[in-house]
């Protein structure tokens, strides 16, 4: 801290200031500011600020200078006008401090921030490029699956035709032809499912929205699901007010219902019994499919909607691909809903919940 008079000479100086200048107190007192700091520094920085302070303003600024050892140092200076008892500004009190370490740390921080930002941009660009490549690879794989599925249809049709002709000319027994036909149906069903999954993965399964009666869709689903079974071989009960209507992609909800009912019939130990209940509320539409089959183990309930997953019961009961419930989940999710499986009163319950949209007319 120092005290400077109107002649720009030091009238007071503490030891800290003198030590920073490499001088003694006696070497500073009475000296002009120009003599202590150098004429160049005084003319470029100090003089104008002293003039402002003698005009009544408080001044705060930073400046850099070379020490006597040639090192660049930063200082912060605050000038306070000092008034006499008569109110006249006679001196300027100057508080200065060495801020070299602070500024050095600040500069390093700025450089680090700049380096971090540059690295972040490079990382974002790398992630974007790799994400794009991964997306292209996934699309390519999906298109390949779709192409293979499509191309396999023709040879399957040829095999079926050969099997049928073999039965007619006696080259194959009826049992052999039935086995071949069943295997062809199984592969054809797998290919249809793979093509549907591929379209969903590629975002090509867009919603074709329309309004429809829910009970009509469920009745059609039951009819389709039971078309391969003898009439009266399954007992299906639908509890749904015919006034309930819904607005969504009708074909997707139909396929979900068909797959769930088919599963219930396929894995029934005896005459299939299925109860379908529909409730409508403020949150949307809930459809419950409850069967009387052997209950799915609790540890498997969370897994059955996975791709190619089949329960132990399903593996024992019949052949299948394990894609039916996975497709149901994907279709329900594409309708912004959710599907879950839980234990029912007698067997298993599959619950489909769809968002607001159900209404009566």
Protein backbone atom coordinates (compact mmCIF):
# COMPACT_ATOMS: atom_id res chain seq x y z
CA UNK A 1 0.00 0.00 0.00
CA UNK A 2 1.30 3.47 -0.86
CA UNK A 3 0.26 7.11 -0.63
CA UNK A 4 0.98 9.37 -3.63
CA UNK A 5 0.73 13.18 -3.64
CA UNK A 6 -0.26 15.46 -6.48
CA UNK A 7 3.34 15.67 -7.63
CA UNK A 8 3.20 11.92 -8.21
CA UNK A 9 5.65 11.20 -5.39
CA UNK A 10 5.45 8.59 -2.68
CA UNK A 11 4.78 9.98 0.78
CA UNK A 12 4.14 6.60 2.39
CA UNK A 13 4.83 2.98 1.49
CA UNK A 14 4.58 -0.27 3.46
CA UNK A 15 7.23 -2.94 3.55
CA UNK A 16 5.24 -5.36 1.34
CA UNK A 17 5.19 -2.88 -1.54
CA UNK A 18 8.87 -2.08 -1.16
CA UNK A 19 9.79 -5.77 -0.97
CA UNK A 20 7.84 -6.47 -4.18
CA UNK A 21 9.86 -3.73 -5.89
CA UNK A 22 13.14 -4.97 -4.46
CA UNK A 23 13.69 -1.65 -2.64
CA UNK A 24 13.81 -0.45 0.93
CA UNK A 25 11.26 1.96 2.40
CA UNK A 26 13.91 4.71 2.41
CA UNK A 27 14.57 4.09 -1.29
CA UNK A 28 10.88 4.59 -2.11
CA UNK A 29 9.83 7.53 0.04
CA UNK A 30 10.16 10.85 -1.78
CA UNK A 31 10.76 9.13 -5.09
CA UNK A 32 8.49 9.80 -8.03
CA UNK A 33 6.26 7.03 -9.35
CA UNK A 34 8.15 7.18 -12.63
CA UNK A 35 11.43 6.58 -10.84
CA UNK A 36 10.10 3.51 -9.02
CA UNK A 37 8.15 1.92 -11.87
CA UNK A 38 10.06 3.29 -14.82
CA UNK A 39 9.09 6.10 -17.14
CA UNK A 40 7.56 3.82 -19.76
CA UNK A 41 5.21 2.03 -17.34
CA UNK A 42 4.30 5.32 -15.69
CA UNK A 43 3.43 6.98 -19.00
CA UNK A 44 1.48 4.01 -20.46
CA UNK A 45 -0.51 2.86 -17.43
CA UNK A 46 -0.12 4.65 -14.12
CA UNK A 47 -0.37 8.36 -14.95
CA UNK A 48 -3.84 8.27 -16.52
CA UNK A 49 -5.22 6.30 -13.59
CA UNK A 50 -3.72 8.71 -11.07
CA UNK A 51 -5.31 11.57 -12.96
CA UNK A 52 -8.71 9.83 -12.78
CA UNK A 53 -8.28 9.27 -9.05
CA UNK A 54 -7.28 12.91 -8.43
CA UNK A 55 -10.48 13.79 -10.28
CA UNK A 56 -12.47 11.90 -7.63
CA UNK A 57 -12.92 8.44 -9.20
CA UNK A 58 -11.99 5.09 -7.68
CA UNK A 59 -9.93 3.07 -10.18
CA UNK A 60 -9.39 -0.69 -10.46
CA UNK A 61 -7.21 -2.24 -13.14
CA UNK A 62 -4.68 -4.95 -13.88
CA UNK A 63 -1.34 -4.56 -15.59
CA UNK A 64 1.74 -6.59 -16.46
CA UNK A 65 5.38 -5.65 -16.22
CA UNK A 66 8.80 -7.21 -16.20
CA UNK A 67 10.52 -7.60 -12.85
CA UNK A 68 14.11 -6.56 -12.36
CA UNK A 69 14.99 -10.21 -12.97
CA UNK A 70 13.22 -10.10 -16.36
CA UNK A 71 10.16 -12.17 -15.38
CA UNK A 72 6.70 -11.04 -16.46
CA UNK A 73 4.45 -10.33 -13.49
CA UNK A 74 0.81 -9.27 -13.16
CA UNK A 75 -0.49 -6.75 -10.65
CA UNK A 76 -3.89 -5.51 -9.56
CA UNK A 77 -4.10 -1.88 -8.44
CA UNK A 78 -6.92 0.02 -6.72
CA UNK A 79 -6.72 3.80 -6.45
CA UNK A 80 -8.68 5.62 -3.73
CA UNK A 81 -8.91 9.44 -3.69
CA UNK A 82 -7.78 10.81 -0.28
CA UNK A 83 -9.43 14.04 0.86
CA UNK A 84 -8.18 16.58 3.37
CA UNK A 85 -10.43 17.82 6.22
CA UNK A 86 -11.36 20.69 3.89
CA UNK A 87 -12.65 18.17 1.30
CA UNK A 88 -9.88 18.66 -1.24
CA UNK A 89 -8.24 15.64 -2.85
CA UNK A 90 -4.61 15.89 -1.86
CA UNK A 91 -3.39 12.31 -2.20
CA UNK A 92 -4.25 8.97 -3.78
CA UNK A 93 -4.00 5.81 -1.70
CA UNK A 94 -2.95 2.85 -3.85
CA UNK A 95 -3.48 -0.76 -2.88
CA UNK A 96 -1.66 -3.12 -5.18
CA UNK A 97 -1.03 -6.85 -5.12
CA UNK A 98 0.81 -9.41 -7.16
CA UNK A 99 -1.73 -11.57 -9.04
CA UNK A 100 0.73 -13.44 -11.24
CA UNK A 101 -0.09 -16.86 -9.76
CA UNK A 102 -3.83 -16.24 -10.03
CA UNK A 103 -3.62 -15.15 -13.66
CA UNK A 104 -1.28 -18.01 -14.52
CA UNK A 105 -3.78 -20.48 -13.05
CA UNK A 106 -6.62 -18.73 -14.89
CA UNK A 107 -4.75 -18.94 -18.20
CA UNK A 108 -4.03 -22.62 -17.66
CA UNK A 109 -7.68 -23.22 -16.86
CA UNK A 110 -8.75 -21.45 -20.04
CA UNK A 111 -6.31 -23.51 -22.09
CA UNK A 112 -7.55 -26.69 -20.43
CA UNK A 113 -11.16 -25.69 -21.11
CA UNK A 114 -10.32 -24.97 -24.73
CA UNK A 115 -8.56 -28.33 -25.03
CA UNK A 116 -11.49 -30.07 -23.35
CA UNK A 117 -13.99 -28.42 -25.68
CA UNK A 118 -11.92 -29.38 -28.71
CA UNK A 119 -11.67 -32.96 -27.44
CA UNK A 120 -15.41 -33.02 -26.73
CA UNK A 121 -16.15 -31.91 -30.30
CA UNK A 122 -13.84 -34.56 -31.71
CA UNK A 123 -15.47 -37.18 -29.48
CA UNK A 124 -18.98 -36.10 -30.54
CA UNK A 125 -17.94 -36.29 -34.18
CA UNK A 126 -16.43 -39.75 -33.67
CA UNK A 127 -19.56 -41.00 -31.88
CA UNK A 128 -21.78 -39.57 -34.62
CA UNK A 129 -19.70 -41.19 -37.34
CA UNK A 130 -19.65 -44.58 -35.61
CA UNK A 131 -23.36 -44.37 -34.84
CA UNK A 132 -24.03 -43.69 -38.50
CA UNK A 133 -21.86 -46.64 -39.55
CA UNK A 134 -23.59 -48.88 -37.00
CA UNK A 135 -27.00 -47.73 -38.21
CA UNK A 136 -26.02 -48.48 -41.80
CA UNK A 137 -24.74 -51.91 -40.76
CA UNK A 138 -27.95 -52.72 -38.89
CA UNK A 139 -30.07 -51.55 -41.84
CA UNK A 140 -27.96 -53.67 -44.17
CA UNK A 141 -28.39 -56.73 -41.95
CA UNK A 142 -32.13 -56.18 -41.69
CA UNK A 143 -32.46 -55.79 -45.45
CA UNK A 144 -30.41 -58.97 -45.91
CA UNK A 145 -32.78 -60.90 -43.62
CA UNK A 146 -35.76 -59.53 -45.51
CA UNK A 147 -34.22 -60.51 -48.86
CA UNK A 148 -33.37 -64.02 -47.67
CA UNK A 149 -36.88 -64.47 -46.24
CA UNK A 150 -38.39 -63.38 -49.51
CA UNK A 151 -36.13 -65.57 -51.65
CA UNK A 152 -36.84 -68.70 -49.56
CA UNK A 153 -40.53 -68.56 -50.39
CA UNK A 154 -40.02 -69.94 -53.89
CA UNK A 155 -38.01 -73.07 -52.94
CA UNK A 156 -40.48 -73.78 -50.13
CA UNK A 157 -43.33 -73.69 -52.62
CA UNK A 158 -41.40 -76.11 -54.85
CA UNK A 159 -40.79 -78.51 -51.96
CA UNK A 160 -44.48 -78.42 -51.07
CA UNK A 161 -45.46 -79.15 -54.67
CA UNK A 162 -43.00 -82.07 -54.86
CA UNK A 163 -44.34 -83.48 -51.61
CA UNK A 164 -47.91 -83.28 -52.85
CA UNK A 165 -47.02 -84.94 -56.15
CA UNK A 166 -45.10 -87.63 -54.26
CA UNK A 167 -48.24 -88.43 -52.28
CA UNK A 168 -50.33 -88.60 -55.44
CA UNK A 169 -48.01 -91.01 -57.30
CA UNK A 170 -47.31 -93.10 -54.23
CA UNK A 171 -43.67 -92.12 -53.83
CA UNK A 172 -44.35 -90.78 -50.33
CA UNK A 173 -46.69 -92.01 -47.64
CA UNK A 174 -49.46 -89.81 -46.26
CA UNK A 175 -47.60 -89.51 -42.95
CA UNK A 176 -44.41 -88.44 -44.66
CA UNK A 177 -46.24 -85.81 -46.69
CA UNK A 178 -47.93 -84.49 -43.56
CA UNK A 179 -44.56 -84.15 -41.81
CA UNK A 180 -43.05 -82.34 -44.79
CA UNK A 181 -46.08 -80.06 -45.06
CA UNK A 182 -45.95 -79.26 -41.33
CA UNK A 183 -42.25 -78.40 -41.53
CA UNK A 184 -42.85 -76.19 -44.55
CA UNK A 185 -45.64 -74.38 -42.68
CA UNK A 186 -43.34 -73.93 -39.72
CA UNK A 187 -40.54 -72.44 -41.86
CA UNK A 188 -43.00 -70.28 -43.79
CA UNK A 189 -44.41 -68.96 -40.51
CA UNK A 190 -40.87 -68.24 -39.28
CA UNK A 191 -40.09 -66.33 -42.49
CA UNK A 192 -43.28 -64.27 -42.19
CA UNK A 193 -42.38 -63.39 -38.61
CA UNK A 194 -38.80 -62.48 -39.54
CA UNK A 195 -40.03 -60.21 -42.34
CA UNK A 196 -42.47 -58.52 -39.97
CA UNK A 197 -39.76 -58.01 -37.34
CA UNK A 198 -37.44 -56.64 -40.01
CA UNK A 199 -40.04 -54.10 -41.11
CA UNK A 200 -40.54 -53.03 -37.51
CA UNK A 201 -36.79 -52.73 -36.93
CA UNK A 202 -36.40 -50.67 -40.10
CA UNK A 203 -39.26 -48.41 -39.06
CA UNK A 204 -41.39 -49.56 -41.98
CA UNK A 205 -44.32 -50.73 -39.88
CA UNK A 206 -46.00 -47.34 -39.65
CA UNK A 207 -49.45 -47.02 -38.13
CA UNK A 208 -52.47 -46.89 -40.43
CA UNK A 209 -54.88 -45.26 -38.01
CA UNK A 210 -58.62 -45.79 -38.19
CA UNK A 211 -61.52 -46.10 -35.76
CA UNK A 212 -63.00 -49.53 -35.13
CA UNK A 213 -65.12 -51.53 -32.74
CA UNK A 214 -62.94 -53.44 -30.29
CA UNK A 215 -65.24 -56.45 -29.96
CA UNK A 216 -65.31 -56.94 -33.75
CA UNK A 217 -61.49 -57.06 -33.83
CA UNK A 218 -61.40 -59.60 -31.00
CA UNK A 219 -64.04 -61.80 -32.65
CA UNK A 220 -62.08 -61.73 -35.91
CA UNK A 221 -58.88 -62.59 -34.04
CA UNK A 222 -60.51 -65.57 -32.34
CA UNK A 223 -61.90 -66.78 -35.68
CA UNK A 224 -58.49 -66.50 -37.34
CA UNK A 225 -56.68 -68.16 -34.45
CA UNK A 226 -59.10 -71.09 -34.36
CA UNK A 227 -59.34 -71.56 -38.14
CA UNK A 228 -56.86 -74.47 -38.02
CA UNK A 229 -58.76 -76.26 -35.23
CA UNK A 230 -62.01 -78.17 -35.20
CA UNK A 231 -65.14 -76.17 -34.53
CA UNK A 232 -66.03 -76.26 -30.87
CA UNK A 233 -62.58 -77.51 -29.88
CA UNK A 234 -61.95 -74.33 -27.86
CA UNK A 235 -64.10 -72.36 -25.47
CA UNK A 236 -63.55 -68.61 -25.88
CA UNK A 237 -65.52 -65.98 -23.99
CA UNK A 238 -65.31 -62.28 -24.90
CA UNK A 239 -66.48 -59.72 -22.32
CA UNK A 240 -66.63 -56.40 -24.14
CA UNK A 241 -69.31 -53.77 -24.60
CA UNK A 242 -70.01 -53.48 -28.32
CA UNK A 243 -70.15 -49.71 -27.94
CA UNK A 244 -66.44 -49.53 -27.09
CA UNK A 245 -64.44 -48.21 -30.01
CA UNK A 246 -60.77 -47.41 -30.39
CA UNK A 247 -58.66 -45.36 -32.78
CA UNK A 248 -55.34 -46.95 -33.78
CA UNK A 249 -53.81 -49.33 -36.34
CA UNK A 250 -56.48 -52.06 -36.47
CA UNK A 251 -54.24 -54.65 -38.17
CA UNK A 252 -51.62 -54.45 -35.41
CA UNK A 253 -54.11 -54.97 -32.59
CA UNK A 254 -55.67 -57.83 -34.58
CA UNK A 255 -52.31 -59.59 -34.98
CA UNK A 256 -51.55 -59.18 -31.26
CA UNK A 257 -54.87 -60.80 -30.34
CA UNK A 258 -54.41 -63.61 -32.90
CA UNK A 259 -50.95 -64.50 -31.58
CA UNK A 260 -52.04 -64.54 -27.93
CA UNK A 261 -55.11 -66.68 -28.62
CA UNK A 262 -53.10 -69.06 -30.84
CA UNK A 263 -50.58 -69.54 -28.03
CA UNK A 264 -53.33 -70.27 -25.52
CA UNK A 265 -54.82 -72.90 -27.82
CA UNK A 266 -51.47 -74.42 -28.82
CA UNK A 267 -50.29 -75.01 -25.26
CA UNK A 268 -53.59 -76.17 -23.77
CA UNK A 269 -53.34 -79.64 -22.25
CA UNK A 270 -57.05 -80.33 -22.84
CA UNK A 271 -59.90 -78.35 -24.38
CA UNK A 272 -58.65 -74.73 -24.50
CA UNK A 273 -60.50 -72.23 -22.34
CA UNK A 274 -59.87 -68.54 -22.92
CA UNK A 275 -61.53 -65.48 -21.36
CA UNK A 276 -61.00 -62.09 -23.00
CA UNK A 277 -62.04 -59.06 -20.95
CA UNK A 278 -62.01 -55.44 -22.09
CA UNK A 279 -62.19 -52.46 -19.75
CA UNK A 280 -62.16 -48.81 -20.71
CA UNK A 281 -61.01 -46.04 -18.43
CA UNK A 282 -59.60 -42.53 -18.40
CA UNK A 283 -56.08 -43.86 -18.92
CA UNK A 284 -57.05 -45.85 -22.02
CA UNK A 285 -57.98 -49.39 -22.99
CA UNK A 286 -57.09 -52.62 -21.18
CA UNK A 287 -57.51 -56.06 -22.80
CA UNK A 288 -56.91 -59.15 -20.67
CA UNK A 289 -56.44 -62.61 -22.21
CA UNK A 290 -56.71 -65.32 -19.54
CA UNK A 291 -56.31 -69.04 -20.22
CA UNK A 292 -56.62 -72.20 -18.11
CA UNK A 293 -53.27 -73.65 -19.16
CA UNK A 294 -50.35 -74.75 -17.00
CA UNK A 295 -48.97 -71.65 -15.34
CA UNK A 296 -45.73 -70.20 -16.63
CA UNK A 297 -43.00 -70.24 -13.98
CA UNK A 298 -42.63 -66.85 -12.30
CA UNK A 299 -38.93 -66.71 -13.21
CA UNK A 300 -39.89 -66.97 -16.90
CA UNK A 301 -42.67 -64.38 -16.96
CA UNK A 302 -40.24 -61.49 -17.46
CA UNK A 303 -38.44 -63.32 -20.28
CA UNK A 304 -41.24 -64.59 -22.50
CA UNK A 305 -41.43 -61.40 -24.57
CA UNK A 306 -37.79 -61.78 -25.61
CA UNK A 307 -36.82 -62.74 -29.14
CA UNK A 308 -36.70 -66.54 -29.69
CA UNK A 309 -37.44 -67.24 -26.01
CA UNK A 310 -39.54 -70.34 -25.32
CA UNK A 311 -40.58 -71.59 -21.91
CA UNK A 312 -39.86 -75.14 -20.80
CA UNK A 313 -43.55 -75.96 -21.15
CA UNK A 314 -43.61 -74.59 -24.70
CA UNK A 315 -40.55 -76.62 -25.69
CA UNK A 316 -42.17 -79.80 -24.38
CA UNK A 317 -45.60 -79.16 -25.89
CA UNK A 318 -44.82 -78.25 -29.51
CA UNK A 319 -42.38 -76.80 -31.94
CA UNK A 320 -42.19 -73.08 -32.50
CA UNK A 321 -39.89 -70.15 -33.17
CA UNK A 322 -40.33 -68.16 -29.97
CA UNK A 323 -41.17 -65.02 -31.95
CA UNK A 324 -44.92 -64.73 -31.39
CA UNK A 325 -44.88 -62.89 -28.06
CA UNK A 326 -41.83 -60.86 -29.10
CA UNK A 327 -43.82 -59.61 -32.09
CA UNK A 328 -46.77 -58.87 -29.79
CA UNK A 329 -44.53 -56.70 -27.61
CA UNK A 330 -43.10 -54.82 -30.58
CA UNK A 331 -46.55 -54.22 -32.06
CA UNK A 332 -48.03 -53.02 -28.76
CA UNK A 333 -45.05 -50.70 -28.22
CA UNK A 334 -45.55 -49.29 -31.72
CA UNK A 335 -49.07 -48.38 -30.56
CA UNK A 336 -47.52 -46.56 -27.55
CA UNK A 337 -48.86 -49.23 -25.19
CA UNK A 338 -47.39 -52.00 -23.07
CA UNK A 339 -47.95 -55.73 -22.59
CA UNK A 340 -47.22 -57.94 -19.60
CA UNK A 341 -47.77 -61.50 -18.43
CA UNK A 342 -48.86 -62.58 -14.97
CA UNK A 343 -50.47 -65.47 -13.18
CA UNK A 344 -54.23 -65.72 -13.64
CA UNK A 345 -56.88 -67.33 -11.45
CA UNK A 346 -56.51 -70.69 -13.20
CA UNK A 347 -53.69 -70.25 -15.69
CA UNK A 348 -51.89 -67.35 -17.34
CA UNK A 349 -53.00 -63.82 -18.04
CA UNK A 350 -51.68 -61.50 -20.75
CA UNK A 351 -52.56 -57.86 -20.28
CA UNK A 352 -52.43 -55.33 -23.13
CA UNK A 353 -52.72 -51.68 -22.10
CA UNK A 354 -53.20 -49.00 -24.74
CA UNK A 355 -53.16 -45.22 -24.18
CA UNK A 356 -56.15 -42.84 -24.23
CA UNK A 357 -58.22 -43.33 -27.37
CA UNK A 358 -61.04 -45.66 -26.38
CA UNK A 359 -64.45 -44.06 -26.52
CA UNK A 360 -68.12 -44.89 -26.90
CA UNK A 361 -70.33 -43.75 -29.81
